[in-house]
Amino acid sequence: MTSGEKRIAVRLVQKLDTDYLIWYDVPIGKKQRLMQLMRSLSIWMKDKAIALSAIRSSEKSS
């Protein structure tokens, strides 16, 4: 985890409501993952290969 990734994770912990749970800098297998659990959505970000444009253009059904 880079210092920038850690800053973002810490900022999310500080800014989100208490009903959100964020785990970061947790080694799982060969790669580290950032997992954010929301009320009805789970996002797994890994490999840093996810482009912001791909996230923005994703459809709700997929």
PDB file of N, CA and C in Angstrom:
ATOM      1  N   MET A   1       0.858  -1.168   0.000  1.00  0.00           N
ATOM      2  CA  MET A   1       0.000   0.000   0.000  1.00  0.00           C
ATOM      3  C   MET A   1       0.902   1.229   0.000  1.00  0.00           C
ATOM      4  N   THR A   2       0.624   2.121  -0.917  1.00  0.00           N
ATOM      5  CA  THR A   2       1.415   3.345  -0.988  1.00  0.00           C
ATOM      6  C   THR A   2       0.899   4.353   0.037  1.00  0.00           C
ATOM      7  N   SER A   3       1.679   5.399   0.243  1.00  0.00           N
ATOM      8  CA  SER A   3       1.257   6.413   1.216  1.00  0.00           C
ATOM      9  C   SER A   3      -0.015   7.126   0.751  1.00  0.00           C
ATOM     10  N   GLY A   4      -0.167   7.316  -0.563  1.00  0.00           N
ATOM     11  CA  GLY A   4      -1.378   7.949  -1.086  1.00  0.00           C
ATOM     12  C   GLY A   4      -2.618   7.099  -0.879  1.00  0.00           C
ATOM     13  N   GLU A   5      -2.480   5.797  -1.104  1.00  0.00           N
ATOM     14  CA  GLU A   5      -3.599   4.882  -0.876  1.00  0.00           C
ATOM     15  C   GLU A   5      -3.986   4.858   0.600  1.00  0.00           C
ATOM     16  N   LYS A   6      -2.986   4.881   1.461  1.00  0.00           N
ATOM     17  CA  LYS A   6      -3.274   4.874   2.898  1.00  0.00           C
ATOM     18  C   LYS A   6      -3.969   6.168   3.318  1.00  0.00           C
ATOM     19  N   ARG A   7      -3.530   7.304   2.752  1.00  0.00           N
ATOM     20  CA  ARG A   7      -4.180   8.587   3.066  1.00  0.00           C
ATOM     21  C   ARG A   7      -5.648   8.570   2.663  1.00  0.00           C
ATOM     22  N   ILE A   8      -5.941   8.013   1.491  1.00  0.00           N
ATOM     23  CA  ILE A   8      -7.336   7.934   1.038  1.00  0.00           C
ATOM     24  C   ILE A   8      -8.150   7.048   1.972  1.00  0.00           C
ATOM     25  N   ALA A   9      -7.600   5.907   2.355  1.00  0.00           N
ATOM     26  CA  ALA A   9      -8.315   4.996   3.252  1.00  0.00           C
ATOM     27  C   ALA A   9      -8.573   5.652   4.604  1.00  0.00           C
ATOM     28  N   VAL A  10      -7.571   6.320   5.143  1.00  0.00           N
ATOM     29  CA  VAL A  10      -7.732   6.994   6.436  1.00  0.00           C
ATOM     30  C   VAL A  10      -8.768   8.105   6.319  1.00  0.00           C
ATOM     31  N   ARG A  11      -8.745   8.844   5.205  1.00  0.00           N
ATOM     32  CA  ARG A  11      -9.722   9.924   4.999  1.00  0.00           C
ATOM     33  C   ARG A  11     -11.139   9.360   4.920  1.00  0.00           C
ATOM     34  N   LEU A  12     -11.310   8.225   4.241  1.00  0.00           N
ATOM     35  CA  LEU A  12     -12.633   7.592   4.182  1.00  0.00           C
ATOM     36  C   LEU A  12     -13.113   7.205   5.574  1.00  0.00           C
ATOM     37  N   VAL A  13     -12.220   6.645   6.379  1.00  0.00           N
ATOM     38  CA  VAL A  13     -12.581   6.270   7.754  1.00  0.00           C
ATOM     39  C   VAL A  13     -13.024   7.504   8.531  1.00  0.00           C
ATOM     40  N   GLN A  14     -12.326   8.618   8.338  1.00  0.00           N
ATOM     41  CA  GLN A  14     -12.645   9.843   9.075  1.00  0.00           C
ATOM     42  C   GLN A  14     -13.959  10.473   8.620  1.00  0.00           C
ATOM     43  N   LYS A  15     -14.252  10.416   7.333  1.00  0.00           N
ATOM     44  CA  LYS A  15     -15.378  11.168   6.778  1.00  0.00           C
ATOM     45  C   LYS A  15     -16.694  10.401   6.683  1.00  0.00           C
ATOM     46  N   LEU A  16     -16.642   9.075   6.584  1.00  0.00           N
ATOM     47  CA  LEU A  16     -17.884   8.314   6.439  1.00  0.00           C
ATOM     48  C   LEU A  16     -18.592   8.144   7.779  1.00  0.00           C
ATOM     49  N   ASP A  17     -19.891   7.920   7.703  1.00  0.00           N
ATOM     50  CA  ASP A  17     -20.678   7.688   8.910  1.00  0.00           C
ATOM     51  C   ASP A  17     -20.198   6.431   9.623  1.00  0.00           C
ATOM     52  N   THR A  18     -20.605   6.293  10.855  1.00  0.00           N
ATOM     53  CA  THR A  18     -20.155   5.154  11.663  1.00  0.00           C
ATOM     54  C   THR A  18     -20.769   3.834  11.224  1.00  0.00           C
ATOM     55  N   ASP A  19     -21.812   3.866  10.385  1.00  0.00           N
ATOM     56  CA  ASP A  19     -22.384   2.606   9.913  1.00  0.00           C
ATOM     57  C   ASP A  19     -21.630   2.031   8.710  1.00  0.00           C
ATOM     58  N   TYR A  20     -20.550   2.670   8.302  1.00  0.00           N
ATOM     59  CA  TYR A  20     -19.668   2.152   7.255  1.00  0.00           C
ATOM     60  C   TYR A  20     -18.451   1.514   7.908  1.00  0.00           C
ATOM     61  N   LEU A  21     -17.952   0.476   7.290  1.00  0.00           N
ATOM     62  CA  LEU A  21     -16.766  -0.213   7.787  1.00  0.00           C
ATOM     63  C   LEU A  21     -15.750  -0.309   6.660  1.00  0.00           C
ATOM     64  N   ILE A  22     -14.528   0.124   6.909  1.00  0.00           N
ATOM     65  CA  ILE A  22     -13.479   0.083   5.894  1.00  0.00           C
ATOM     66  C   ILE A  22     -12.282  -0.660   6.451  1.00  0.00           C
ATOM     67  N   TRP A  23     -11.841  -1.655   5.705  1.00  0.00           N
ATOM     68  CA  TRP A  23     -10.596  -2.349   6.029  1.00  0.00           C
ATOM     69  C   TRP A  23      -9.577  -1.934   4.986  1.00  0.00           C
ATOM     70  N   TYR A  24      -8.377  -1.633   5.411  1.00  0.00           N
ATOM     71  CA  TYR A  24      -7.329  -1.305   4.455  1.00  0.00           C
ATOM     72  C   TYR A  24      -5.998  -1.832   4.972  1.00  0.00           C
ATOM     73  N   ASP A  25      -5.073  -1.970   4.051  1.00  0.00           N
ATOM     74  CA  ASP A  25      -3.737  -2.488   4.351  1.00  0.00           C
ATOM     75  C   ASP A  25      -3.818  -3.881   4.972  1.00  0.00           C
ATOM     76  N   VAL A  26      -4.710  -4.689   4.424  1.00  0.00           N
ATOM     77  CA  VAL A  26      -4.902  -6.054   4.911  1.00  0.00           C
ATOM     78  C   VAL A  26      -4.357  -7.012   3.857  1.00  0.00           C
ATOM     79  N   PRO A  27      -3.274  -7.727   4.142  1.00  0.00           N
ATOM     80  CA  PRO A  27      -2.749  -8.661   3.148  1.00  0.00           C
ATOM     81  C   PRO A  27      -3.636  -9.899   3.028  1.00  0.00           C
ATOM     82  N   ILE A  28      -4.046 -10.191   1.810  1.00  0.00           N
ATOM     83  CA  ILE A  28      -4.854 -11.375   1.533  1.00  0.00           C
ATOM     84  C   ILE A  28      -4.201 -12.066   0.343  1.00  0.00           C
ATOM     85  N   GLY A  29      -3.649 -13.211   0.568  1.00  0.00           N
ATOM     86  CA  GLY A  29      -2.987 -13.916  -0.517  1.00  0.00           C
ATOM     87  C   GLY A  29      -1.758 -13.165  -0.998  1.00  0.00           C
ATOM     88  N   LYS A  30      -1.575 -13.125  -2.322  1.00  0.00           N
ATOM     89  CA  LYS A  30      -0.401 -12.486  -2.906  1.00  0.00           C
ATOM     90  C   LYS A  30      -0.566 -10.977  -3.053  1.00  0.00           C
ATOM     91  N   LYS A  31      -1.781 -10.496  -3.062  1.00  0.00           N
ATOM     92  CA  LYS A  31      -2.032  -9.081  -3.321  1.00  0.00           C
ATOM     93  C   LYS A  31      -2.813  -8.462  -2.174  1.00  0.00           C
ATOM     94  N   GLN A  32      -2.665  -7.160  -2.020  1.00  0.00           N
ATOM     95  CA  GLN A  32      -3.442  -6.460  -1.004  1.00  0.00           C
ATOM     96  C   GLN A  32      -4.661  -5.849  -1.666  1.00  0.00           C
ATOM     97  N   ARG A  33      -5.736  -5.818  -0.953  1.00  0.00           N
ATOM     98  CA  ARG A  33      -6.995  -5.316  -1.493  1.00  0.00           C
ATOM     99  C   ARG A  33      -7.564  -4.255  -0.565  1.00  0.00           C
ATOM    100  N   LEU A  34      -8.279  -3.327  -1.153  1.00  0.00           N
ATOM    101  CA  LEU A  34      -9.030  -2.341  -0.382  1.00  0.00           C
ATOM    102  C   LEU A  34     -10.488  -2.729  -0.508  1.00  0.00           C
ATOM    103  N   MET A  35     -11.139  -2.943   0.613  1.00  0.00           N
ATOM    104  CA  MET A  35     -12.536  -3.351   0.579  1.00  0.00           C
ATOM    105  C   MET A  35     -13.357  -2.317   1.331  1.00  0.00           C
ATOM    106  N   GLN A  36     -14.384  -1.846   0.696  1.00  0.00           N
ATOM    107  CA  GLN A  36     -15.289  -0.904   1.333  1.00  0.00           C
ATOM    108  C   GLN A  36     -16.678  -1.519   1.305  1.00  0.00           C
ATOM    109  N   LEU A  37     -17.269  -1.704   2.451  1.00  0.00           N
ATOM    110  CA  LEU A  37     -18.621  -2.246   2.536  1.00  0.00           C
ATOM    111  C   LEU A  37     -19.598  -1.097   2.744  1.00  0.00           C
ATOM    112  N   MET A  38     -20.591  -1.024   1.888  1.00  0.00           N
ATOM    113  CA  MET A  38     -21.618  -0.007   2.039  1.00  0.00           C
ATOM    114  C   MET A  38     -22.946  -0.696   2.291  1.00  0.00           C
ATOM    115  N   ARG A  39     -23.960   0.080   2.524  1.00  0.00           N
ATOM    116  CA  ARG A  39     -25.270  -0.479   2.867  1.00  0.00           C
ATOM    117  C   ARG A  39     -25.713  -1.556   1.880  1.00  0.00           C
ATOM    118  N   SER A  40     -25.594  -1.297   0.593  1.00  0.00           N
ATOM    119  CA  SER A  40     -26.071  -2.281  -0.380  1.00  0.00           C
ATOM    120  C   SER A  40     -25.058  -2.544  -1.489  1.00  0.00           C
ATOM    121  N   LEU A  41     -23.805  -2.188  -1.273  1.00  0.00           N
ATOM    122  CA  LEU A  41     -22.809  -2.299  -2.331  1.00  0.00           C
ATOM    123  C   LEU A  41     -21.468  -2.707  -1.758  1.00  0.00           C
ATOM    124  N   SER A  42     -20.832  -3.665  -2.367  1.00  0.00           N
ATOM    125  CA  SER A  42     -19.478  -4.060  -1.991  1.00  0.00           C
ATOM    126  C   SER A  42     -18.552  -3.755  -3.151  1.00  0.00           C
ATOM    127  N   ILE A  43     -17.480  -3.070  -2.884  1.00  0.00           N
ATOM    128  CA  ILE A  43     -16.508  -2.722  -3.915  1.00  0.00           C
ATOM    129  C   ILE A  43     -15.177  -3.354  -3.545  1.00  0.00           C
ATOM    130  N   TRP A  44     -14.633  -4.126  -4.445  1.00  0.00           N
ATOM    131  CA  TRP A  44     -13.309  -4.715  -4.257  1.00  0.00           C
ATOM    132  C   TRP A  44     -12.389  -4.057  -5.267  1.00  0.00           C
ATOM    133  N   MET A  45     -11.369  -3.397  -4.800  1.00  0.00           N
ATOM    134  CA  MET A  45     -10.405  -2.788  -5.698  1.00  0.00           C
ATOM    135  C   MET A  45      -9.089  -3.521  -5.529  1.00  0.00           C
ATOM    136  N   LYS A  46      -8.559  -4.030  -6.621  1.00  0.00           N
ATOM    137  CA  LYS A  46      -7.297  -4.733  -6.536  1.00  0.00           C
ATOM    138  C   LYS A  46      -6.477  -4.464  -7.785  1.00  0.00           C
ATOM    139  N   ASP A  47      -5.197  -4.610  -7.665  1.00  0.00           N
ATOM    140  CA  ASP A  47      -4.246  -4.503  -8.769  1.00  0.00           C
ATOM    141  C   ASP A  47      -4.082  -3.091  -9.321  1.00  0.00           C
ATOM    142  N   LYS A  48      -4.800  -2.131  -8.865  1.00  0.00           N
ATOM    143  CA  LYS A  48      -4.735  -0.754  -9.342  1.00  0.00           C
ATOM    144  C   LYS A  48      -4.988  -0.664 -10.841  1.00  0.00           C
ATOM    145  N   ALA A  49      -5.619  -1.672 -11.420  1.00  0.00           N
ATOM    146  CA  ALA A  49      -5.860  -1.699 -12.858  1.00  0.00           C
ATOM    147  C   ALA A  49      -7.232  -1.151 -13.213  1.00  0.00           C
ATOM    148  N   ILE A  50      -7.996  -0.737 -12.232  1.00  0.00           N
ATOM    149  CA  ILE A  50      -9.332  -0.219 -12.479  1.00  0.00           C
ATOM    150  C   ILE A  50      -9.214   1.271 -12.783  1.00  0.00           C
ATOM    151  N   ALA A  51      -9.563   1.654 -13.995  1.00  0.00           N
ATOM    152  CA  ALA A  51      -9.501   3.056 -14.386  1.00  0.00           C
ATOM    153  C   ALA A  51     -10.744   3.772 -13.877  1.00  0.00           C
ATOM    154  N   LEU A  52     -10.582   5.036 -13.515  1.00  0.00           N
ATOM    155  CA  LEU A  52     -11.713   5.821 -13.025  1.00  0.00           C
ATOM    156  C   LEU A  52     -12.799   5.915 -14.087  1.00  0.00           C
ATOM    157  N   SER A  53     -12.406   6.032 -15.352  1.00  0.00           N
ATOM    158  CA  SER A  53     -13.402   6.100 -16.429  1.00  0.00           C
ATOM    159  C   SER A  53     -14.213   4.812 -16.517  1.00  0.00           C
ATOM    160  N   ALA A  54     -13.592   3.666 -16.224  1.00  0.00           N
ATOM    161  CA  ALA A  54     -14.319   2.393 -16.240  1.00  0.00           C
ATOM    162  C   ALA A  54     -15.334   2.332 -15.112  1.00  0.00           C
ATOM    163  N   ILE A  55     -14.986   2.877 -13.958  1.00  0.00           N
ATOM    164  CA  ILE A  55     -15.917   2.899 -12.830  1.00  0.00           C
ATOM    165  C   ILE A  55     -17.091   3.819 -13.142  1.00  0.00           C
ATOM    166  N   ARG A  56     -16.786   4.982 -13.711  1.00  0.00           N
ATOM    167  CA  ARG A  56     -17.847   5.937 -14.037  1.00  0.00           C
ATOM    168  C   ARG A  56     -18.782   5.414 -15.119  1.00  0.00           C
ATOM    169  N   SER A  57     -18.245   4.640 -16.067  1.00  0.00           N
ATOM    170  CA  SER A  57     -19.063   4.183 -17.186  1.00  0.00           C
ATOM    171  C   SER A  57     -19.746   2.843 -16.927  1.00  0.00           C
ATOM    172  N   SER A  58     -19.530   2.259 -15.764  1.00  0.00           N
ATOM    173  CA  SER A  58     -20.141   0.963 -15.484  1.00  0.00           C
ATOM    174  C   SER A  58     -21.654   1.105 -15.341  1.00  0.00           C
ATOM    175  N   GLU A  59     -22.346   0.054 -15.723  1.00  0.00           N
ATOM    176  CA  GLU A  59     -23.796   0.065 -15.653  1.00  0.00           C
ATOM    177  C   GLU A  59     -24.255  -0.452 -14.307  1.00  0.00           C
ATOM    178  N   LYS A  60     -25.416  -0.019 -13.885  1.00  0.00           N
ATOM    179  CA  LYS A  60     -25.959  -0.422 -12.594  1.00  0.00           C
ATOM    180  C   LYS A  60     -26.236  -1.919 -12.543  1.00  0.00           C
ATOM    181  N   SER A  61     -26.603  -2.516 -13.664  1.00  0.00           N
ATOM    182  CA  SER A  61     -26.966  -3.933 -13.691  1.00  0.00           C
ATOM    183  C   SER A  61     -25.763  -4.866 -13.661  1.00  0.00           C
ATOM    184  N   SER A  62     -24.569  -4.365 -13.935  1.00  0.00           N
ATOM    185  CA  SER A  62     -23.398  -5.247 -13.978  1.00  0.00           C
ATOM    186  C   SER A  62     -22.604  -5.221 -12.706  1.00  0.00           C
TER     187      SER A  62
END
